[in-house]
Amino acid sequence: MTEPAAKPDSAKAQLNPQDRAHFRFHLAHVHLSSVFGDDWFALKAEAFARFFGTPVFLIAQTIIVAIWILANVLGLTKFDIYPFILLNLAFSLQAAYAAPLILLAQTRQADRDKVHADADALHREALAQASELRQEAVAQHTQQLIELLKQNTQLTEITQQLSQRIEALTLEMHGKVLQNQAKPAGN
């Protein structure tokens, strides 16, 4: 069974750029090794411990135990007759190895979960900071828009005043021209 850390490279190639950006927070923790190491034994022990909880293991073990008991009860073989001491010994041996292997797998998973939780926390902090920066930029742009609207209003008022002044001057000039034309040429 392969380590989940080996999968993100192939999985990242299939993700879009936004999803890949999330993994940048996990890259800082890739170098970390497990408390129990990442050697062949640790990886195989974890894979074996994980196999203990699968339906395949439970069904296979049930079938083997049923065949064992039936073979000895029906007299097909006599290597472990009732009370099945050898079967009890096999279960004890299995439990003696299963418990530490399961604890090993749980500890390694807890280490990975902690690293992923730390990376996710960094990601949330980065998102919060980016959100704050966007809010500040929006507030600044809003303030600039308000200032531009005020300037536009002032320019509109000045334009209106100048238009009224031009109209008044035009009427005044028109009146003077009419007065000059109404006076006789000899005066």
N, C-alpha and C. Protein backbone atom coordinates (compact mmCIF):
# COMPACT_ATOMS: atom_id res chain seq x y z
N MET A 1 0.85 -1.18 0.00
CA MET A 1 0.00 0.00 0.00
C MET A 1 0.88 1.23 0.00
N THR A 2 0.55 2.22 -0.80
CA THR A 2 1.39 3.41 -0.91
C THR A 2 0.96 4.46 0.09
N GLU A 3 1.90 5.27 0.44
CA GLU A 3 1.67 6.37 1.38
C GLU A 3 0.82 7.44 0.71
N PRO A 4 -0.18 8.03 1.39
CA PRO A 4 -0.99 9.08 0.77
C PRO A 4 -0.17 10.27 0.30
N ALA A 5 0.99 10.52 0.92
CA ALA A 5 1.81 11.66 0.50
C ALA A 5 2.34 11.48 -0.91
N ALA A 6 2.40 10.22 -1.40
CA ALA A 6 2.90 9.98 -2.74
C ALA A 6 1.86 10.29 -3.80
N LYS A 7 0.60 10.32 -3.43
CA LYS A 7 -0.47 10.53 -4.39
C LYS A 7 -0.68 11.97 -4.82
N PRO A 8 -0.44 12.98 -3.96
CA PRO A 8 -0.77 14.34 -4.38
C PRO A 8 -0.09 14.80 -5.66
N ASP A 9 1.14 14.31 -5.97
CA ASP A 9 1.79 14.75 -7.20
C ASP A 9 0.96 14.36 -8.42
N SER A 10 0.50 13.11 -8.48
CA SER A 10 -0.31 12.70 -9.62
C SER A 10 -1.70 13.32 -9.54
N ALA A 11 -2.21 13.47 -8.32
CA ALA A 11 -3.53 14.07 -8.16
C ALA A 11 -3.49 15.57 -8.48
N LYS A 12 -2.38 16.25 -8.12
CA LYS A 12 -2.29 17.68 -8.37
C LYS A 12 -2.28 17.99 -9.86
N ALA A 13 -1.74 17.07 -10.65
CA ALA A 13 -1.70 17.30 -12.10
C ALA A 13 -3.10 17.36 -12.68
N GLN A 14 -4.05 16.70 -12.03
CA GLN A 14 -5.41 16.66 -12.53
C GLN A 14 -6.27 17.80 -11.97
N LEU A 15 -5.77 18.53 -10.98
CA LEU A 15 -6.54 19.59 -10.35
C LEU A 15 -6.39 20.90 -11.12
N ASN A 16 -7.39 21.75 -10.99
CA ASN A 16 -7.26 23.06 -11.62
C ASN A 16 -6.35 23.94 -10.76
N PRO A 17 -5.88 25.06 -11.29
CA PRO A 17 -4.90 25.89 -10.56
C PRO A 17 -5.38 26.37 -9.20
N GLN A 18 -6.68 26.62 -9.02
CA GLN A 18 -7.17 27.07 -7.71
C GLN A 18 -7.01 25.96 -6.68
N ASP A 19 -7.28 24.71 -7.06
CA ASP A 19 -7.13 23.61 -6.12
C ASP A 19 -5.66 23.36 -5.81
N ARG A 20 -4.78 23.50 -6.82
CA ARG A 20 -3.35 23.30 -6.60
C ARG A 20 -2.80 24.35 -5.65
N ALA A 21 -3.36 25.55 -5.67
CA ALA A 21 -2.88 26.62 -4.79
C ALA A 21 -3.06 26.23 -3.33
N HIS A 22 -4.08 25.45 -3.02
CA HIS A 22 -4.30 25.02 -1.64
C HIS A 22 -3.15 24.14 -1.15
N PHE A 23 -2.58 23.30 -2.04
CA PHE A 23 -1.53 22.39 -1.64
C PHE A 23 -0.21 23.09 -1.33
N ARG A 24 -0.08 24.37 -1.69
CA ARG A 24 1.18 25.06 -1.41
C ARG A 24 1.43 25.14 0.09
N PHE A 25 0.39 25.08 0.90
CA PHE A 25 0.56 25.11 2.35
C PHE A 25 1.02 23.76 2.89
N HIS A 26 0.79 22.70 2.13
CA HIS A 26 1.21 21.37 2.55
C HIS A 26 2.67 21.09 2.17
N LEU A 27 3.18 21.81 1.18
CA LEU A 27 4.54 21.56 0.70
C LEU A 27 5.59 21.77 1.79
N ALA A 28 5.34 22.68 2.70
CA ALA A 28 6.31 22.94 3.76
C ALA A 28 6.46 21.75 4.70
N HIS A 29 5.48 20.85 4.72
CA HIS A 29 5.50 19.72 5.65
C HIS A 29 5.88 18.40 4.98
N VAL A 30 6.16 18.43 3.68
CA VAL A 30 6.46 17.19 2.96
C VAL A 30 7.72 16.53 3.50
N HIS A 31 8.69 17.32 3.93
CA HIS A 31 9.95 16.77 4.41
C HIS A 31 9.83 16.06 5.74
N LEU A 32 8.76 16.29 6.47
CA LEU A 32 8.60 15.69 7.79
C LEU A 32 8.40 14.18 7.66
N SER A 33 9.06 13.43 8.50
CA SER A 33 8.87 11.99 8.49
C SER A 33 8.07 11.62 9.73
N SER A 34 7.52 10.44 9.69
CA SER A 34 6.71 9.97 10.79
C SER A 34 7.60 9.67 12.00
N VAL A 35 6.98 9.64 13.15
CA VAL A 35 7.69 9.30 14.38
C VAL A 35 8.30 7.91 14.24
N PHE A 36 7.60 7.01 13.55
CA PHE A 36 8.05 5.64 13.39
C PHE A 36 8.86 5.43 12.13
N GLY A 37 9.15 6.50 11.42
CA GLY A 37 9.96 6.40 10.22
C GLY A 37 9.13 6.09 8.99
N ASP A 38 9.78 6.21 7.86
CA ASP A 38 9.10 5.94 6.60
C ASP A 38 9.80 4.80 5.86
N ASP A 39 10.47 3.93 6.61
CA ASP A 39 11.15 2.81 5.97
C ASP A 39 10.15 1.74 5.55
N TRP A 40 10.68 0.71 4.92
CA TRP A 40 9.84 -0.36 4.38
C TRP A 40 9.00 -1.00 5.47
N PHE A 41 9.61 -1.32 6.63
CA PHE A 41 8.88 -1.99 7.69
C PHE A 41 7.72 -1.15 8.21
N ALA A 42 7.97 0.14 8.44
CA ALA A 42 6.92 1.01 8.96
C ALA A 42 5.75 1.10 7.98
N LEU A 43 6.06 1.23 6.70
CA LEU A 43 5.00 1.33 5.70
C LEU A 43 4.21 0.03 5.59
N LYS A 44 4.91 -1.11 5.60
CA LYS A 44 4.23 -2.41 5.50
C LYS A 44 3.43 -2.69 6.78
N ALA A 45 3.98 -2.33 7.93
CA ALA A 45 3.26 -2.54 9.18
C ALA A 45 1.98 -1.72 9.21
N GLU A 46 2.06 -0.48 8.73
CA GLU A 46 0.86 0.34 8.68
C GLU A 46 -0.15 -0.22 7.70
N ALA A 47 0.32 -0.68 6.55
CA ALA A 47 -0.60 -1.25 5.55
C ALA A 47 -1.26 -2.50 6.11
N PHE A 48 -0.49 -3.32 6.82
CA PHE A 48 -1.04 -4.53 7.41
C PHE A 48 -2.07 -4.19 8.49
N ALA A 49 -1.76 -3.20 9.32
CA ALA A 49 -2.69 -2.79 10.37
C ALA A 49 -3.98 -2.25 9.77
N ARG A 50 -3.87 -1.53 8.68
CA ARG A 50 -5.06 -1.02 8.02
C ARG A 50 -5.88 -2.17 7.43
N PHE A 51 -5.21 -3.23 7.00
CA PHE A 51 -5.91 -4.38 6.43
C PHE A 51 -6.76 -5.08 7.47
N PHE A 52 -6.36 -5.02 8.76
CA PHE A 52 -7.13 -5.68 9.82
C PHE A 52 -8.58 -5.19 9.89
N GLY A 53 -8.83 -3.97 9.52
CA GLY A 53 -10.19 -3.42 9.64
C GLY A 53 -11.03 -3.55 8.39
N THR A 54 -10.55 -4.24 7.38
CA THR A 54 -11.30 -4.33 6.12
C THR A 54 -12.28 -5.50 6.14
N PRO A 55 -13.35 -5.40 5.38
CA PRO A 55 -14.29 -6.52 5.28
C PRO A 55 -13.63 -7.77 4.70
N VAL A 56 -12.68 -7.62 3.81
CA VAL A 56 -11.99 -8.78 3.23
C VAL A 56 -11.31 -9.59 4.34
N PHE A 57 -10.61 -8.90 5.24
CA PHE A 57 -9.94 -9.60 6.34
C PHE A 57 -10.96 -10.30 7.24
N LEU A 58 -12.00 -9.59 7.62
CA LEU A 58 -12.99 -10.18 8.53
C LEU A 58 -13.68 -11.39 7.90
N ILE A 59 -14.05 -11.31 6.64
CA ILE A 59 -14.71 -12.43 5.97
C ILE A 59 -13.74 -13.60 5.82
N ALA A 60 -12.50 -13.31 5.40
CA ALA A 60 -11.50 -14.37 5.24
C ALA A 60 -11.22 -15.06 6.58
N GLN A 61 -11.07 -14.29 7.64
CA GLN A 61 -10.81 -14.87 8.96
C GLN A 61 -12.00 -15.72 9.41
N THR A 62 -13.21 -15.27 9.18
CA THR A 62 -14.40 -16.03 9.56
C THR A 62 -14.46 -17.36 8.81
N ILE A 63 -14.16 -17.32 7.53
CA ILE A 63 -14.17 -18.55 6.72
C ILE A 63 -13.10 -19.52 7.22
N ILE A 64 -11.89 -19.03 7.48
CA ILE A 64 -10.80 -19.89 7.97
C ILE A 64 -11.16 -20.51 9.31
N VAL A 65 -11.71 -19.71 10.23
CA VAL A 65 -12.09 -20.23 11.55
C VAL A 65 -13.21 -21.26 11.40
N ALA A 66 -14.18 -21.00 10.54
CA ALA A 66 -15.29 -21.96 10.34
C ALA A 66 -14.76 -23.28 9.78
N ILE A 67 -13.87 -23.20 8.79
CA ILE A 67 -13.28 -24.42 8.21
C ILE A 67 -12.46 -25.17 9.28
N TRP A 68 -11.70 -24.41 10.07
CA TRP A 68 -10.88 -25.00 11.14
C TRP A 68 -11.77 -25.78 12.10
N ILE A 69 -12.82 -25.13 12.59
CA ILE A 69 -13.71 -25.77 13.57
C ILE A 69 -14.43 -26.96 12.94
N LEU A 70 -14.97 -26.79 11.74
CA LEU A 70 -15.69 -27.89 11.07
C LEU A 70 -14.78 -29.08 10.81
N ALA A 71 -13.56 -28.80 10.36
CA ALA A 71 -12.63 -29.90 10.07
C ALA A 71 -12.32 -30.70 11.33
N ASN A 72 -12.22 -30.03 12.47
CA ASN A 72 -11.89 -30.72 13.72
C ASN A 72 -13.13 -31.35 14.36
N VAL A 73 -14.28 -30.72 14.25
CA VAL A 73 -15.50 -31.26 14.84
C VAL A 73 -15.98 -32.48 14.05
N LEU A 74 -15.94 -32.41 12.73
CA LEU A 74 -16.41 -33.51 11.89
C LEU A 74 -15.41 -34.65 11.81
N GLY A 75 -14.24 -34.47 12.37
CA GLY A 75 -13.25 -35.54 12.41
C GLY A 75 -12.42 -35.65 11.16
N LEU A 76 -12.45 -34.66 10.28
CA LEU A 76 -11.62 -34.70 9.08
C LEU A 76 -10.14 -34.63 9.46
N THR A 77 -9.85 -34.00 10.55
CA THR A 77 -8.49 -33.90 11.08
C THR A 77 -8.58 -33.82 12.60
N LYS A 78 -7.49 -34.13 13.28
CA LYS A 78 -7.51 -34.14 14.74
C LYS A 78 -6.40 -33.26 15.32
N PHE A 79 -5.92 -32.25 14.55
CA PHE A 79 -4.79 -31.47 15.04
C PHE A 79 -5.17 -30.46 16.12
N ASP A 80 -6.47 -30.12 16.22
CA ASP A 80 -6.90 -29.15 17.24
C ASP A 80 -8.32 -29.50 17.67
N ILE A 81 -8.46 -30.50 18.50
CA ILE A 81 -9.80 -30.93 18.92
C ILE A 81 -10.35 -29.98 19.98
N TYR A 82 -11.66 -30.10 20.21
CA TYR A 82 -12.33 -29.25 21.19
C TYR A 82 -11.56 -29.30 22.48
N PRO A 83 -11.26 -28.21 23.10
CA PRO A 83 -11.67 -26.81 23.13
C PRO A 83 -10.84 -25.90 22.23
N PHE A 84 -10.25 -26.40 21.20
CA PHE A 84 -9.56 -25.61 20.18
C PHE A 84 -8.46 -24.72 20.78
N ILE A 85 -7.57 -25.34 21.50
CA ILE A 85 -6.48 -24.62 22.16
C ILE A 85 -5.55 -23.97 21.13
N LEU A 86 -5.26 -24.66 20.04
CA LEU A 86 -4.38 -24.09 19.02
C LEU A 86 -5.02 -22.87 18.35
N LEU A 87 -6.33 -22.96 18.14
CA LEU A 87 -7.05 -21.80 17.56
C LEU A 87 -7.01 -20.61 18.52
N ASN A 88 -7.18 -20.87 19.82
CA ASN A 88 -7.07 -19.80 20.82
C ASN A 88 -5.67 -19.20 20.83
N LEU A 89 -4.67 -20.07 20.70
CA LEU A 89 -3.29 -19.59 20.65
C LEU A 89 -3.07 -18.72 19.42
N ALA A 90 -3.64 -19.13 18.27
CA ALA A 90 -3.51 -18.33 17.04
C ALA A 90 -4.18 -16.97 17.21
N PHE A 91 -5.37 -16.94 17.84
CA PHE A 91 -6.04 -15.66 18.10
C PHE A 91 -5.23 -14.78 19.05
N SER A 92 -4.63 -15.37 20.08
CA SER A 92 -3.81 -14.61 21.02
C SER A 92 -2.59 -14.03 20.32
N LEU A 93 -1.97 -14.85 19.46
CA LEU A 93 -0.81 -14.37 18.72
C LEU A 93 -1.20 -13.23 17.78
N GLN A 94 -2.33 -13.40 17.12
CA GLN A 94 -2.82 -12.35 16.21
C GLN A 94 -3.09 -11.06 16.99
N ALA A 95 -3.73 -11.17 18.15
CA ALA A 95 -4.04 -9.99 18.96
C ALA A 95 -2.75 -9.33 19.47
N ALA A 96 -1.75 -10.15 19.81
CA ALA A 96 -0.48 -9.60 20.32
C ALA A 96 0.21 -8.75 19.27
N TYR A 97 0.10 -9.13 18.01
CA TYR A 97 0.71 -8.34 16.93
C TYR A 97 -0.23 -7.27 16.39
N ALA A 98 -1.51 -7.54 16.41
CA ALA A 98 -2.46 -6.59 15.84
C ALA A 98 -2.54 -5.29 16.65
N ALA A 99 -2.56 -5.41 17.95
CA ALA A 99 -2.71 -4.21 18.79
C ALA A 99 -1.58 -3.20 18.55
N PRO A 100 -0.30 -3.60 18.62
CA PRO A 100 0.75 -2.60 18.36
C PRO A 100 0.72 -2.07 16.93
N LEU A 101 0.38 -2.95 15.97
CA LEU A 101 0.32 -2.48 14.59
C LEU A 101 -0.79 -1.46 14.40
N ILE A 102 -1.92 -1.70 15.03
CA ILE A 102 -3.03 -0.75 14.94
C ILE A 102 -2.66 0.57 15.61
N LEU A 103 -2.00 0.50 16.76
CA LEU A 103 -1.54 1.73 17.42
C LEU A 103 -0.54 2.47 16.56
N LEU A 104 0.35 1.73 15.90
CA LEU A 104 1.31 2.34 14.99
C LEU A 104 0.59 3.08 13.88
N ALA A 105 -0.39 2.44 13.27
CA ALA A 105 -1.14 3.07 12.18
C ALA A 105 -1.89 4.30 12.68
N GLN A 106 -2.48 4.21 13.86
CA GLN A 106 -3.22 5.36 14.40
C GLN A 106 -2.28 6.53 14.70
N THR A 107 -1.10 6.23 15.24
CA THR A 107 -0.15 7.29 15.55
C THR A 107 0.34 7.96 14.28
N ARG A 108 0.66 7.16 13.27
CA ARG A 108 1.10 7.73 12.00
C ARG A 108 -0.01 8.57 11.37
N GLN A 109 -1.25 8.10 11.44
CA GLN A 109 -2.37 8.86 10.89
C GLN A 109 -2.57 10.16 11.67
N ALA A 110 -2.41 10.08 12.98
CA ALA A 110 -2.54 11.29 13.81
C ALA A 110 -1.47 12.32 13.43
N ASP A 111 -0.24 11.84 13.16
CA ASP A 111 0.82 12.75 12.72
C ASP A 111 0.45 13.42 11.40
N ARG A 112 -0.05 12.63 10.45
CA ARG A 112 -0.45 13.21 9.16
C ARG A 112 -1.62 14.17 9.34
N ASP A 113 -2.58 13.81 10.18
CA ASP A 113 -3.72 14.70 10.41
C ASP A 113 -3.29 16.02 11.02
N LYS A 114 -2.31 15.97 11.94
CA LYS A 114 -1.82 17.20 12.57
C LYS A 114 -1.15 18.10 11.53
N VAL A 115 -0.32 17.51 10.69
CA VAL A 115 0.37 18.29 9.66
C VAL A 115 -0.65 18.91 8.70
N HIS A 116 -1.65 18.12 8.30
CA HIS A 116 -2.68 18.65 7.41
C HIS A 116 -3.52 19.73 8.09
N ALA A 117 -3.80 19.55 9.36
CA ALA A 117 -4.55 20.58 10.10
C ALA A 117 -3.76 21.88 10.18
N ASP A 118 -2.44 21.76 10.43
CA ASP A 118 -1.59 22.96 10.46
C ASP A 118 -1.59 23.66 9.10
N ALA A 119 -1.45 22.87 8.04
CA ALA A 119 -1.44 23.44 6.70
C ALA A 119 -2.78 24.09 6.38
N ASP A 120 -3.87 23.44 6.79
CA ASP A 120 -5.19 24.03 6.55
C ASP A 120 -5.37 25.32 7.34
N ALA A 121 -4.83 25.36 8.56
CA ALA A 121 -4.92 26.59 9.35
C ALA A 121 -4.15 27.72 8.67
N LEU A 122 -2.97 27.40 8.13
CA LEU A 122 -2.21 28.42 7.39
C LEU A 122 -2.99 28.89 6.17
N HIS A 123 -3.64 27.96 5.52
CA HIS A 123 -4.44 28.30 4.33
C HIS A 123 -5.60 29.23 4.72
N ARG A 124 -6.28 28.91 5.83
CA ARG A 124 -7.38 29.77 6.27
C ARG A 124 -6.87 31.16 6.64
N GLU A 125 -5.69 31.23 7.29
CA GLU A 125 -5.12 32.53 7.63
C GLU A 125 -4.80 33.34 6.37
N ALA A 126 -4.24 32.66 5.39
CA ALA A 126 -3.91 33.35 4.13
C ALA A 126 -5.19 33.85 3.45
N LEU A 127 -6.24 33.03 3.49
CA LEU A 127 -7.51 33.46 2.91
C LEU A 127 -8.07 34.66 3.66
N ALA A 128 -7.96 34.63 4.99
CA ALA A 128 -8.47 35.76 5.79
C ALA A 128 -7.68 37.03 5.48
N GLN A 129 -6.36 36.92 5.37
CA GLN A 129 -5.55 38.09 5.04
C GLN A 129 -5.89 38.62 3.65
N ALA A 130 -6.06 37.71 2.70
CA ALA A 130 -6.43 38.14 1.34
C ALA A 130 -7.79 38.81 1.35
N SER A 131 -8.70 38.29 2.14
CA SER A 131 -10.03 38.89 2.24
C SER A 131 -9.95 40.29 2.85
N GLU A 132 -9.13 40.44 3.88
CA GLU A 132 -8.96 41.77 4.49
C GLU A 132 -8.37 42.76 3.49
N LEU A 133 -7.36 42.29 2.74
CA LEU A 133 -6.75 43.17 1.73
C LEU A 133 -7.77 43.57 0.67
N ARG A 134 -8.60 42.62 0.25
CA ARG A 134 -9.65 42.95 -0.74
C ARG A 134 -10.65 43.94 -0.16
N GLN A 135 -11.01 43.76 1.10
CA GLN A 135 -11.95 44.68 1.73
C GLN A 135 -11.35 46.08 1.84
N GLU A 136 -10.07 46.15 2.19
CA GLU A 136 -9.41 47.46 2.27
C GLU A 136 -9.35 48.11 0.89
N ALA A 137 -9.04 47.31 -0.14
CA ALA A 137 -9.00 47.85 -1.50
C ALA A 137 -10.37 48.33 -1.94
N VAL A 138 -11.40 47.57 -1.61
CA VAL A 138 -12.77 47.98 -1.96
C VAL A 138 -13.13 49.26 -1.24
N ALA A 139 -12.77 49.37 0.04
CA ALA A 139 -13.06 50.59 0.80
C ALA A 139 -12.31 51.79 0.19
N GLN A 140 -11.07 51.56 -0.20
CA GLN A 140 -10.29 52.64 -0.81
C GLN A 140 -10.90 53.06 -2.15
N HIS A 141 -11.28 52.08 -2.96
CA HIS A 141 -11.91 52.40 -4.25
C HIS A 141 -13.25 53.11 -4.06
N THR A 142 -13.98 52.68 -3.06
CA THR A 142 -15.26 53.33 -2.77
C THR A 142 -15.03 54.78 -2.38
N GLN A 143 -14.02 55.03 -1.55
CA GLN A 143 -13.70 56.39 -1.15
C GLN A 143 -13.29 57.23 -2.36
N GLN A 144 -12.49 56.62 -3.26
CA GLN A 144 -12.08 57.33 -4.47
C GLN A 144 -13.29 57.65 -5.35
N LEU A 145 -14.22 56.71 -5.46
CA LEU A 145 -15.43 56.94 -6.26
C LEU A 145 -16.27 58.07 -5.66
N ILE A 146 -16.38 58.08 -4.34
CA ILE A 146 -17.14 59.15 -3.68
C ILE A 146 -16.48 60.50 -3.96
N GLU A 147 -15.15 60.56 -3.88
CA GLU A 147 -14.44 61.80 -4.15
C GLU A 147 -14.64 62.23 -5.61
N LEU A 148 -14.56 61.26 -6.53
CA LEU A 148 -14.78 61.58 -7.94
C LEU A 148 -16.21 62.07 -8.19
N LEU A 149 -17.18 61.47 -7.50
CA LEU A 149 -18.57 61.92 -7.64
C LEU A 149 -18.73 63.35 -7.11
N LYS A 150 -18.06 63.67 -6.00
CA LYS A 150 -18.12 65.04 -5.48
C LYS A 150 -17.50 66.01 -6.48
N GLN A 151 -16.35 65.65 -7.04
CA GLN A 151 -15.71 66.51 -8.03
C GLN A 151 -16.59 66.66 -9.27
N ASN A 152 -17.22 65.58 -9.68
CA ASN A 152 -18.12 65.63 -10.84
C ASN A 152 -19.30 66.55 -10.55
N THR A 153 -19.83 66.47 -9.34
CA THR A 153 -20.95 67.34 -8.96
C THR A 153 -20.51 68.80 -8.97
N GLN A 154 -19.32 69.08 -8.44
CA GLN A 154 -18.80 70.45 -8.43
C GLN A 154 -18.59 70.95 -9.86
N LEU A 155 -18.03 70.12 -10.71
CA LEU A 155 -17.82 70.52 -12.11
C LEU A 155 -19.15 70.77 -12.82
N THR A 156 -20.13 69.94 -12.53
CA THR A 156 -21.45 70.14 -13.12
C THR A 156 -22.05 71.46 -12.66
N GLU A 157 -21.91 71.78 -11.37
CA GLU A 157 -22.42 73.05 -10.86
C GLU A 157 -21.68 74.23 -11.50
N ILE A 158 -20.35 74.11 -11.63
CA ILE A 158 -19.57 75.19 -12.25
C ILE A 158 -19.99 75.36 -13.71
N THR A 159 -20.17 74.22 -14.41
CA THR A 159 -20.61 74.27 -15.81
C THR A 159 -21.98 74.94 -15.91
N GLN A 160 -22.87 74.62 -15.00
CA GLN A 160 -24.20 75.23 -15.01
C GLN A 160 -24.09 76.74 -14.76
N GLN A 161 -23.28 77.13 -13.80
CA GLN A 161 -23.10 78.56 -13.51
C GLN A 161 -22.50 79.28 -14.71
N LEU A 162 -21.48 78.66 -15.33
CA LEU A 162 -20.87 79.28 -16.51
C LEU A 162 -21.86 79.36 -17.66
N SER A 163 -22.68 78.34 -17.84
CA SER A 163 -23.69 78.37 -18.90
C SER A 163 -24.69 79.48 -18.65
N GLN A 164 -25.11 79.64 -17.40
CA GLN A 164 -26.05 80.72 -17.07
C GLN A 164 -25.38 82.08 -17.28
N ARG A 165 -24.12 82.19 -16.93
CA ARG A 165 -23.40 83.45 -17.11
C ARG A 165 -23.24 83.76 -18.60
N ILE A 166 -22.93 82.71 -19.41
CA ILE A 166 -22.80 82.91 -20.87
C ILE A 166 -24.14 83.33 -21.45
N GLU A 167 -25.21 82.69 -20.97
CA GLU A 167 -26.55 83.04 -21.47
C GLU A 167 -26.87 84.48 -21.12
N ALA A 168 -26.54 84.88 -19.89
CA ALA A 168 -26.81 86.27 -19.48
C ALA A 168 -25.99 87.25 -20.31
N LEU A 169 -24.72 86.93 -20.54
CA LEU A 169 -23.88 87.81 -21.36
C LEU A 169 -24.37 87.86 -22.80
N THR A 170 -24.80 86.70 -23.30
CA THR A 170 -25.32 86.67 -24.66
C THR A 170 -26.57 87.53 -24.78
N LEU A 171 -27.48 87.44 -23.82
CA LEU A 171 -28.68 88.27 -23.84
C LEU A 171 -28.33 89.76 -23.72
N GLU A 172 -27.35 90.05 -22.89
CA GLU A 172 -26.92 91.43 -22.73
C GLU A 172 -26.31 91.97 -24.02
N MET A 173 -25.46 91.16 -24.63
CA MET A 173 -24.85 91.56 -25.90
C MET A 173 -25.91 91.73 -26.99
N HIS A 174 -26.85 90.80 -27.02
CA HIS A 174 -27.92 90.86 -28.00
C HIS A 174 -28.74 92.15 -27.81
N GLY A 175 -29.00 92.46 -26.57
CA GLY A 175 -29.74 93.69 -26.28
C GLY A 175 -28.97 94.93 -26.73
N LYS A 176 -27.67 94.98 -26.50
CA LYS A 176 -26.85 96.12 -26.91
C LYS A 176 -26.78 96.23 -28.42
N VAL A 177 -26.65 95.08 -29.08
CA VAL A 177 -26.60 95.10 -30.55
C VAL A 177 -27.93 95.63 -31.08
N LEU A 178 -29.03 95.20 -30.51
CA LEU A 178 -30.33 95.67 -30.95
C LEU A 178 -30.47 97.18 -30.68
N GLN A 179 -29.94 97.66 -29.57
CA GLN A 179 -30.01 99.07 -29.26
C GLN A 179 -29.19 99.89 -30.25
N ASN A 180 -28.02 99.37 -30.58
CA ASN A 180 -27.17 100.06 -31.54
C ASN A 180 -27.83 100.09 -32.93
N GLN A 181 -28.50 99.09 -33.28
CA GLN A 181 -29.16 99.06 -34.58
C GLN A 181 -30.39 99.97 -34.58
N ALA A 182 -31.02 100.12 -33.47
CA ALA A 182 -32.22 100.95 -33.40
C ALA A 182 -31.86 102.44 -33.43
N LYS A 183 -30.71 102.86 -33.03
CA LYS A 183 -30.29 104.25 -33.08
C LYS A 183 -30.06 104.64 -34.53
N PRO A 184 -30.43 105.87 -34.87
CA PRO A 184 -30.19 106.31 -36.23
C PRO A 184 -28.71 106.41 -36.52
N ALA A 185 -28.36 106.26 -37.75
CA ALA A 185 -26.98 106.24 -38.21
C ALA A 185 -26.32 107.63 -38.02
N GLY A 186 -27.05 108.63 -37.97
CA GLY A 186 -26.48 109.98 -37.85
C GLY A 186 -26.14 110.34 -36.43
N ASN A 187 -26.61 109.73 -35.45
CA ASN A 187 -26.35 110.13 -34.09
C ASN A 187 -25.01 109.84 -33.66
